[in-house]
Amino acid sequence: MNEKQMNEKMLEAFPEFKEEFDKYVSWQDGMATGAFLTYEDVFRPHIEKAVEENDMPFLERVSTFLEDLYLTGDEYAMSVVCVGILEGLKANSDNSAVRSFLKPTTQNEFDELEY
């Protein structure tokens, strides 16, 4: 996968990010803006907020989305999830709360991160 495909996948799964995403990438490369950036700066704050608020419907959507990206076996997609999402969650969120909503493959990756 490439940046455009990763960003499209995120917006397909989370259309509520569209306006924020468009504003974020408007001064960068549009849909080709690096997915590490968009997943970290646009997507992850929504996850962190949902963890704080225990928004399980949203977190279920997140867990399915992240797990599906891991299960593609695509190295770039897995790296974006790890660096753009999981590393920040591990460093900034309640790890037990994060673990509670992650699916098995993603949870294993989360657990292997050292902080």
Protein backbone atom coordinates (compact mmCIF):
# COMPACT_ATOMS: atom_id res chain seq x y z
CA MET A 1 0.00 0.00 0.00
CA ASN A 2 1.01 3.60 -0.41
CA GLU A 3 0.08 6.86 1.34
CA LYS A 4 -2.93 7.51 -0.85
CA GLN A 5 -4.33 4.02 -0.32
CA MET A 6 -3.77 4.17 3.44
CA ASN A 7 -5.46 7.56 3.71
CA GLU A 8 -8.36 6.39 1.56
CA LYS A 9 -8.81 3.33 3.78
CA MET A 10 -8.90 5.50 6.88
CA LEU A 11 -11.51 7.82 5.38
CA GLU A 12 -13.62 4.93 4.10
CA ALA A 13 -13.72 3.43 7.59
CA PHE A 14 -14.04 6.78 9.40
CA PRO A 15 -15.83 9.24 7.11
CA GLU A 16 -16.34 11.53 10.11
CA PHE A 17 -12.62 12.47 9.80
CA LYS A 18 -13.03 13.85 6.26
CA GLU A 19 -13.28 17.55 7.09
CA GLU A 20 -10.42 17.42 9.61
CA PHE A 21 -8.31 15.35 7.22
CA ASP A 22 -8.90 17.75 4.32
CA LYS A 23 -7.89 20.71 6.46
CA TYR A 24 -4.78 18.88 7.72
CA VAL A 25 -3.56 17.86 4.26
CA SER A 26 -4.56 21.07 2.45
CA TRP A 27 -1.12 22.60 3.00
CA GLN A 28 0.72 19.33 2.38
CA ASP A 29 0.35 16.73 -0.40
CA GLY A 30 -3.40 16.20 -0.27
CA MET A 31 -4.37 12.55 -0.34
CA ALA A 32 -0.71 11.62 -0.88
CA THR A 33 0.32 13.13 2.48
CA GLY A 34 2.32 10.58 4.44
CA ALA A 35 0.09 8.12 6.25
CA PHE A 36 2.41 8.12 9.26
CA LEU A 37 1.49 11.79 9.70
CA THR A 38 -2.22 11.49 9.05
CA TYR A 39 -2.69 8.43 11.23
CA GLU A 40 -0.70 10.03 14.06
CA ASP A 41 -2.09 13.56 13.84
CA VAL A 42 -5.65 12.99 12.62
CA PHE A 43 -6.61 9.44 13.64
CA ARG A 44 -4.79 8.78 16.93
CA PRO A 45 -6.21 11.77 18.87
CA HIS A 46 -9.71 10.39 18.23
CA ILE A 47 -8.62 7.02 19.61
CA GLU A 48 -7.07 8.62 22.68
CA LYS A 49 -10.26 10.58 23.34
CA ALA A 50 -12.37 7.44 22.91
CA VAL A 51 -10.14 5.56 25.37
CA GLU A 52 -10.55 8.36 27.91
CA GLU A 53 -14.33 8.41 27.41
CA ASN A 54 -14.66 4.62 27.13
CA ASP A 55 -16.45 5.02 23.78
CA MET A 56 -16.67 1.30 23.03
CA PRO A 57 -18.65 1.53 19.77
CA PHE A 58 -15.92 3.73 18.27
CA LEU A 59 -13.13 1.61 19.77
CA GLU A 60 -14.68 -1.54 18.28
CA ARG A 61 -14.54 0.09 14.86
CA VAL A 62 -10.93 1.09 15.51
CA SER A 63 -9.91 -2.39 16.64
CA THR A 64 -11.43 -4.03 13.57
CA PHE A 65 -9.82 -1.49 11.26
CA LEU A 66 -6.35 -1.83 12.80
CA GLU A 67 -6.53 -5.62 12.92
CA ASP A 68 -7.60 -5.76 9.28
CA LEU A 69 -4.58 -3.64 8.32
CA TYR A 70 -2.26 -6.01 10.19
CA LEU A 71 -3.86 -9.02 8.58
CA THR A 72 -3.16 -7.68 5.09
CA GLY A 73 0.48 -8.58 5.67
CA ASP A 74 1.43 -5.34 3.94
CA GLU A 75 4.67 -4.10 5.54
CA TYR A 76 3.86 -0.42 5.01
CA ALA A 77 0.35 -0.74 6.46
CA MET A 78 1.64 -2.62 9.50
CA SER A 79 4.37 -0.04 10.03
CA VAL A 80 1.90 2.85 9.85
CA VAL A 81 -0.33 1.18 12.45
CA CYS A 82 2.62 0.49 14.73
CA VAL A 83 4.35 3.87 14.44
CA GLY A 84 1.38 6.13 13.71
CA ILE A 85 -1.04 4.62 16.22
CA LEU A 86 0.29 2.01 18.65
CA GLU A 87 3.51 3.69 19.73
CA GLY A 88 1.68 6.87 20.71
CA LEU A 89 -1.05 4.97 22.49
CA LYS A 90 1.56 2.97 24.42
CA ALA A 91 3.35 6.16 25.47
CA ASN A 92 0.33 8.37 26.20
CA SER A 93 -2.66 6.24 27.18
CA ASP A 94 -3.74 3.78 29.86
CA ASN A 95 -2.21 0.59 28.47
CA SER A 96 -4.77 -1.72 30.08
CA ALA A 97 -7.60 0.33 28.56
CA VAL A 98 -5.96 0.16 25.13
CA ARG A 99 -5.30 -3.59 25.42
CA SER A 100 -8.95 -4.18 26.33
CA PHE A 101 -10.26 -3.18 22.91
CA LEU A 102 -7.47 -4.41 20.62
CA LYS A 103 -7.91 -7.60 18.64
CA PRO A 104 -5.31 -10.41 19.02
CA THR A 105 -2.73 -9.56 16.35
CA THR A 106 -2.79 -5.86 17.12
CA GLN A 107 -2.69 -6.56 20.86
CA ASN A 108 0.41 -8.72 20.40
CA GLU A 109 2.13 -5.93 18.49
CA PHE A 110 1.12 -3.45 21.19
CA ASP A 111 2.46 -5.71 23.93
CA GLU A 112 5.83 -6.07 22.17
CA LEU A 113 6.42 -2.31 22.14
CA GLU A 114 8.93 -1.20 24.78
CA TYR A 115 8.31 2.00 26.76
